[in-house]
Amino acid sequence: MLWTRLAQNPLADNGHGGMPDRPFLMEWEIATDKRFCHTVGPGIEVARPKSAHSVHVEVEGYGRETTHHPVDRPAKAAPRGSGQHSV
């Protein structure tokens, strides 16, 4: 299972990571190797305010026995006010 959350300010007082009160589309991709050559997915999910903009995805072909490799790259976000990626 993939679990992630959108949060501009994770410790914000609003309890939603500083995110606006609207849903956002979140693109995800998982790989089974460090170089990201063998991907599983990708997919798009809706991160909603009622779940604190968190997303839970059951990923087929990626189980507990799979070695997990951290990705050293920042998440991409649409510029503020652009309207991109909002639902």
N, C-alpha and C. Protein backbone atom coordinates (compact mmCIF):
# COMPACT_ATOMS: atom_id res chain seq x y z
N MET A 1 0.84 -1.17 0.00
CA MET A 1 0.00 0.00 0.00
C MET A 1 0.89 1.24 0.00
N LEU A 2 0.51 2.19 -0.82
CA LEU A 2 1.15 3.49 -0.84
C LEU A 2 0.32 4.43 0.02
N TRP A 3 0.97 5.10 0.93
CA TRP A 3 0.29 6.10 1.75
C TRP A 3 1.12 7.36 1.66
N THR A 4 0.49 8.47 1.31
CA THR A 4 1.19 9.74 1.24
C THR A 4 0.20 10.87 1.52
N ARG A 5 0.73 12.03 1.76
CA ARG A 5 -0.12 13.17 2.10
C ARG A 5 0.47 14.43 1.49
N LEU A 6 -0.39 15.28 0.95
CA LEU A 6 0.03 16.60 0.48
C LEU A 6 0.02 17.54 1.67
N ALA A 7 1.09 18.28 1.86
CA ALA A 7 1.17 19.22 2.97
C ALA A 7 2.19 20.32 2.65
N GLN A 8 1.70 21.53 2.44
CA GLN A 8 2.61 22.66 2.21
C GLN A 8 3.34 23.03 3.50
N ASN A 9 2.63 22.87 4.62
CA ASN A 9 3.18 23.17 5.94
C ASN A 9 2.66 22.09 6.89
N PRO A 10 3.38 20.97 7.02
CA PRO A 10 2.88 19.82 7.78
C PRO A 10 2.42 20.11 9.20
N LEU A 11 2.96 21.14 9.85
CA LEU A 11 2.60 21.44 11.23
C LEU A 11 1.61 22.60 11.35
N ALA A 12 0.93 22.93 10.26
CA ALA A 12 -0.02 24.06 10.27
C ALA A 12 -1.15 23.82 11.26
N ASP A 13 -1.63 24.90 11.85
CA ASP A 13 -2.70 24.83 12.84
C ASP A 13 -4.03 24.33 12.27
N ASN A 14 -4.22 24.42 10.97
CA ASN A 14 -5.51 24.02 10.40
C ASN A 14 -5.71 22.51 10.36
N GLY A 15 -4.69 21.73 10.70
CA GLY A 15 -4.82 20.27 10.70
C GLY A 15 -4.83 19.65 9.32
N HIS A 16 -4.66 20.45 8.30
CA HIS A 16 -4.66 19.97 6.92
C HIS A 16 -3.33 20.26 6.23
N GLY A 17 -2.28 20.41 7.01
CA GLY A 17 -0.96 20.62 6.43
C GLY A 17 -0.82 21.93 5.69
N GLY A 18 -1.67 22.90 6.01
CA GLY A 18 -1.61 24.19 5.33
C GLY A 18 -2.22 24.18 3.94
N MET A 19 -2.88 23.10 3.58
CA MET A 19 -3.48 23.00 2.24
C MET A 19 -4.81 23.74 2.19
N PRO A 20 -5.15 24.29 1.03
CA PRO A 20 -6.46 24.92 0.86
C PRO A 20 -7.58 23.90 1.03
N ASP A 21 -8.76 24.37 1.31
CA ASP A 21 -9.92 23.50 1.55
C ASP A 21 -10.58 23.10 0.22
N ARG A 22 -9.83 22.38 -0.59
CA ARG A 22 -10.35 21.86 -1.87
C ARG A 22 -9.53 20.62 -2.24
N PRO A 23 -10.09 19.73 -3.04
CA PRO A 23 -9.36 18.53 -3.45
C PRO A 23 -8.29 18.84 -4.50
N PHE A 24 -7.27 17.98 -4.56
CA PHE A 24 -6.20 18.10 -5.54
C PHE A 24 -5.95 16.75 -6.18
N LEU A 25 -5.59 16.75 -7.46
CA LEU A 25 -5.16 15.52 -8.11
C LEU A 25 -3.70 15.28 -7.75
N MET A 26 -3.38 14.03 -7.42
CA MET A 26 -2.01 13.68 -7.08
C MET A 26 -1.55 12.54 -7.97
N GLU A 27 -0.49 12.77 -8.72
CA GLU A 27 0.08 11.72 -9.55
C GLU A 27 1.11 10.95 -8.71
N TRP A 28 1.13 9.63 -8.86
CA TRP A 28 2.09 8.81 -8.13
C TRP A 28 2.72 7.79 -9.05
N GLU A 29 3.90 7.34 -8.66
CA GLU A 29 4.62 6.32 -9.40
C GLU A 29 5.55 5.61 -8.42
N ILE A 30 5.64 4.31 -8.52
CA ILE A 30 6.48 3.50 -7.65
C ILE A 30 7.39 2.65 -8.55
N ALA A 31 8.62 2.45 -8.08
CA ALA A 31 9.55 1.59 -8.81
C ALA A 31 10.04 0.48 -7.91
N THR A 32 10.43 -0.63 -8.53
CA THR A 32 10.95 -1.76 -7.77
C THR A 32 12.47 -1.77 -7.75
N ASP A 33 13.10 -0.73 -8.32
CA ASP A 33 14.55 -0.63 -8.33
C ASP A 33 14.99 0.81 -8.04
N LYS A 34 16.23 0.96 -7.59
CA LYS A 34 16.75 2.27 -7.19
C LYS A 34 16.79 3.27 -8.34
N ARG A 35 17.01 2.81 -9.55
CA ARG A 35 17.15 3.73 -10.69
C ARG A 35 15.81 4.10 -11.32
N PHE A 36 14.72 3.57 -10.78
CA PHE A 36 13.38 3.86 -11.27
C PHE A 36 13.19 3.39 -12.72
N CYS A 37 13.83 2.28 -13.06
CA CYS A 37 13.69 1.72 -14.41
C CYS A 37 12.49 0.80 -14.53
N HIS A 38 12.11 0.13 -13.43
CA HIS A 38 11.01 -0.83 -13.44
C HIS A 38 9.88 -0.26 -12.57
N THR A 39 8.97 0.42 -13.21
CA THR A 39 7.91 1.08 -12.46
C THR A 39 6.66 0.23 -12.35
N VAL A 40 5.93 0.48 -11.28
CA VAL A 40 4.63 -0.15 -11.02
C VAL A 40 3.66 1.01 -10.92
N GLY A 41 2.62 0.98 -11.68
CA GLY A 41 1.73 2.14 -11.75
C GLY A 41 1.99 2.77 -13.10
N PRO A 42 1.98 4.02 -13.24
CA PRO A 42 1.64 5.08 -12.29
C PRO A 42 0.13 5.22 -12.14
N GLY A 43 -0.26 6.21 -11.39
CA GLY A 43 -1.67 6.45 -11.20
C GLY A 43 -1.96 7.87 -10.77
N ILE A 44 -3.23 8.19 -10.72
CA ILE A 44 -3.68 9.50 -10.26
C ILE A 44 -4.78 9.27 -9.24
N GLU A 45 -4.67 9.92 -8.11
CA GLU A 45 -5.68 9.83 -7.05
C GLU A 45 -6.11 11.24 -6.66
N VAL A 46 -7.26 11.34 -6.01
CA VAL A 46 -7.73 12.62 -5.51
C VAL A 46 -7.42 12.71 -4.02
N ALA A 47 -6.69 13.76 -3.65
CA ALA A 47 -6.39 14.04 -2.25
C ALA A 47 -7.43 15.05 -1.76
N ARG A 48 -8.28 14.62 -0.84
CA ARG A 48 -9.42 15.44 -0.39
C ARG A 48 -9.19 16.03 1.00
N PRO A 49 -9.76 17.22 1.24
CA PRO A 49 -9.62 17.85 2.55
C PRO A 49 -10.16 16.99 3.70
N LYS A 50 -11.25 16.25 3.47
CA LYS A 50 -11.84 15.46 4.56
C LYS A 50 -10.91 14.36 5.06
N SER A 51 -9.91 13.99 4.26
CA SER A 51 -8.91 13.01 4.70
C SER A 51 -7.54 13.66 4.88
N ALA A 52 -7.55 14.96 5.18
CA ALA A 52 -6.32 15.75 5.38
C ALA A 52 -5.38 15.65 4.18
N HIS A 53 -5.97 15.58 3.00
CA HIS A 53 -5.24 15.48 1.73
C HIS A 53 -4.30 14.28 1.70
N SER A 54 -4.69 13.19 2.37
CA SER A 54 -3.89 11.98 2.31
C SER A 54 -4.48 11.04 1.26
N VAL A 55 -3.64 10.16 0.75
CA VAL A 55 -4.04 9.23 -0.30
C VAL A 55 -3.52 7.85 0.09
N HIS A 56 -4.37 6.85 -0.04
CA HIS A 56 -4.01 5.45 0.22
C HIS A 56 -4.31 4.67 -1.06
N VAL A 57 -3.31 3.98 -1.59
CA VAL A 57 -3.46 3.26 -2.85
C VAL A 57 -2.96 1.83 -2.68
N GLU A 58 -3.80 0.87 -3.03
CA GLU A 58 -3.37 -0.53 -3.13
C GLU A 58 -2.72 -0.68 -4.50
N VAL A 59 -1.42 -0.95 -4.54
CA VAL A 59 -0.68 -1.01 -5.80
C VAL A 59 -0.48 -2.46 -6.19
N GLU A 60 -1.04 -2.85 -7.33
CA GLU A 60 -0.88 -4.22 -7.82
C GLU A 60 0.56 -4.44 -8.26
N GLY A 61 1.12 -5.59 -7.92
CA GLY A 61 2.48 -5.92 -8.33
C GLY A 61 3.55 -5.34 -7.41
N TYR A 62 3.12 -4.79 -6.28
CA TYR A 62 4.07 -4.20 -5.34
C TYR A 62 3.63 -4.59 -3.95
N GLY A 63 4.26 -5.61 -3.39
CA GLY A 63 3.82 -6.15 -2.11
C GLY A 63 4.82 -5.95 -1.00
N ARG A 64 4.51 -6.53 0.15
CA ARG A 64 5.37 -6.42 1.32
C ARG A 64 6.75 -7.00 1.09
N GLU A 65 6.83 -8.00 0.24
CA GLU A 65 8.12 -8.64 -0.02
C GLU A 65 9.02 -7.80 -0.92
N THR A 66 8.49 -6.73 -1.48
CA THR A 66 9.25 -5.86 -2.38
C THR A 66 10.20 -4.97 -1.60
N THR A 67 11.43 -4.84 -2.09
CA THR A 67 12.38 -3.93 -1.47
C THR A 67 11.98 -2.51 -1.81
N HIS A 68 11.96 -1.65 -0.80
CA HIS A 68 11.57 -0.26 -0.99
C HIS A 68 12.82 0.60 -1.17
N HIS A 69 12.77 1.49 -2.15
CA HIS A 69 13.89 2.38 -2.43
C HIS A 69 13.40 3.82 -2.32
N PRO A 70 14.01 4.61 -1.43
CA PRO A 70 13.59 6.01 -1.32
C PRO A 70 13.94 6.79 -2.58
N VAL A 71 13.14 7.76 -2.90
CA VAL A 71 13.36 8.60 -4.07
C VAL A 71 13.89 9.94 -3.59
N ASP A 72 15.03 10.32 -4.11
CA ASP A 72 15.65 11.58 -3.71
C ASP A 72 15.35 12.65 -4.74
N ARG A 73 14.09 13.03 -4.80
CA ARG A 73 13.70 14.12 -5.68
C ARG A 73 12.48 14.81 -5.06
N PRO A 74 12.42 16.13 -5.19
CA PRO A 74 11.29 16.83 -4.58
C PRO A 74 10.00 16.59 -5.36
N ALA A 75 8.90 16.68 -4.66
CA ALA A 75 7.60 16.57 -5.31
C ALA A 75 7.39 17.80 -6.16
N LYS A 76 6.70 17.63 -7.27
CA LYS A 76 6.38 18.76 -8.14
C LYS A 76 5.01 19.28 -7.78
N ALA A 77 4.90 20.58 -7.71
CA ALA A 77 3.61 21.19 -7.39
C ALA A 77 3.33 22.30 -8.39
N ALA A 78 2.07 22.49 -8.68
CA ALA A 78 1.66 23.59 -9.56
C ALA A 78 1.86 24.90 -8.82
N PRO A 79 2.22 25.95 -9.54
CA PRO A 79 2.37 27.25 -8.88
C PRO A 79 1.07 27.69 -8.22
N ARG A 80 1.20 28.37 -7.10
CA ARG A 80 0.02 28.87 -6.37
C ARG A 80 -0.81 29.74 -7.28
N GLY A 81 -2.12 29.52 -7.23
CA GLY A 81 -3.04 30.33 -8.01
C GLY A 81 -3.15 29.92 -9.47
N SER A 82 -2.39 28.90 -9.87
CA SER A 82 -2.43 28.49 -11.28
C SER A 82 -3.69 27.71 -11.61
N GLY A 83 -4.31 27.09 -10.58
CA GLY A 83 -5.51 26.31 -10.82
C GLY A 83 -5.19 24.91 -11.33
N GLN A 84 -3.92 24.64 -11.65
CA GLN A 84 -3.54 23.33 -12.15
C GLN A 84 -3.64 22.30 -11.03
N HIS A 85 -4.02 21.14 -11.39
CA HIS A 85 -4.09 19.98 -10.50
C HIS A 85 -5.15 20.10 -9.41
N SER A 86 -5.96 21.13 -9.42
CA SER A 86 -7.08 21.13 -8.47
C SER A 86 -8.25 20.48 -9.14
N VAL A 87 -9.11 19.88 -8.34
CA VAL A 87 -10.26 19.14 -8.89
C VAL A 87 -11.47 20.02 -8.85
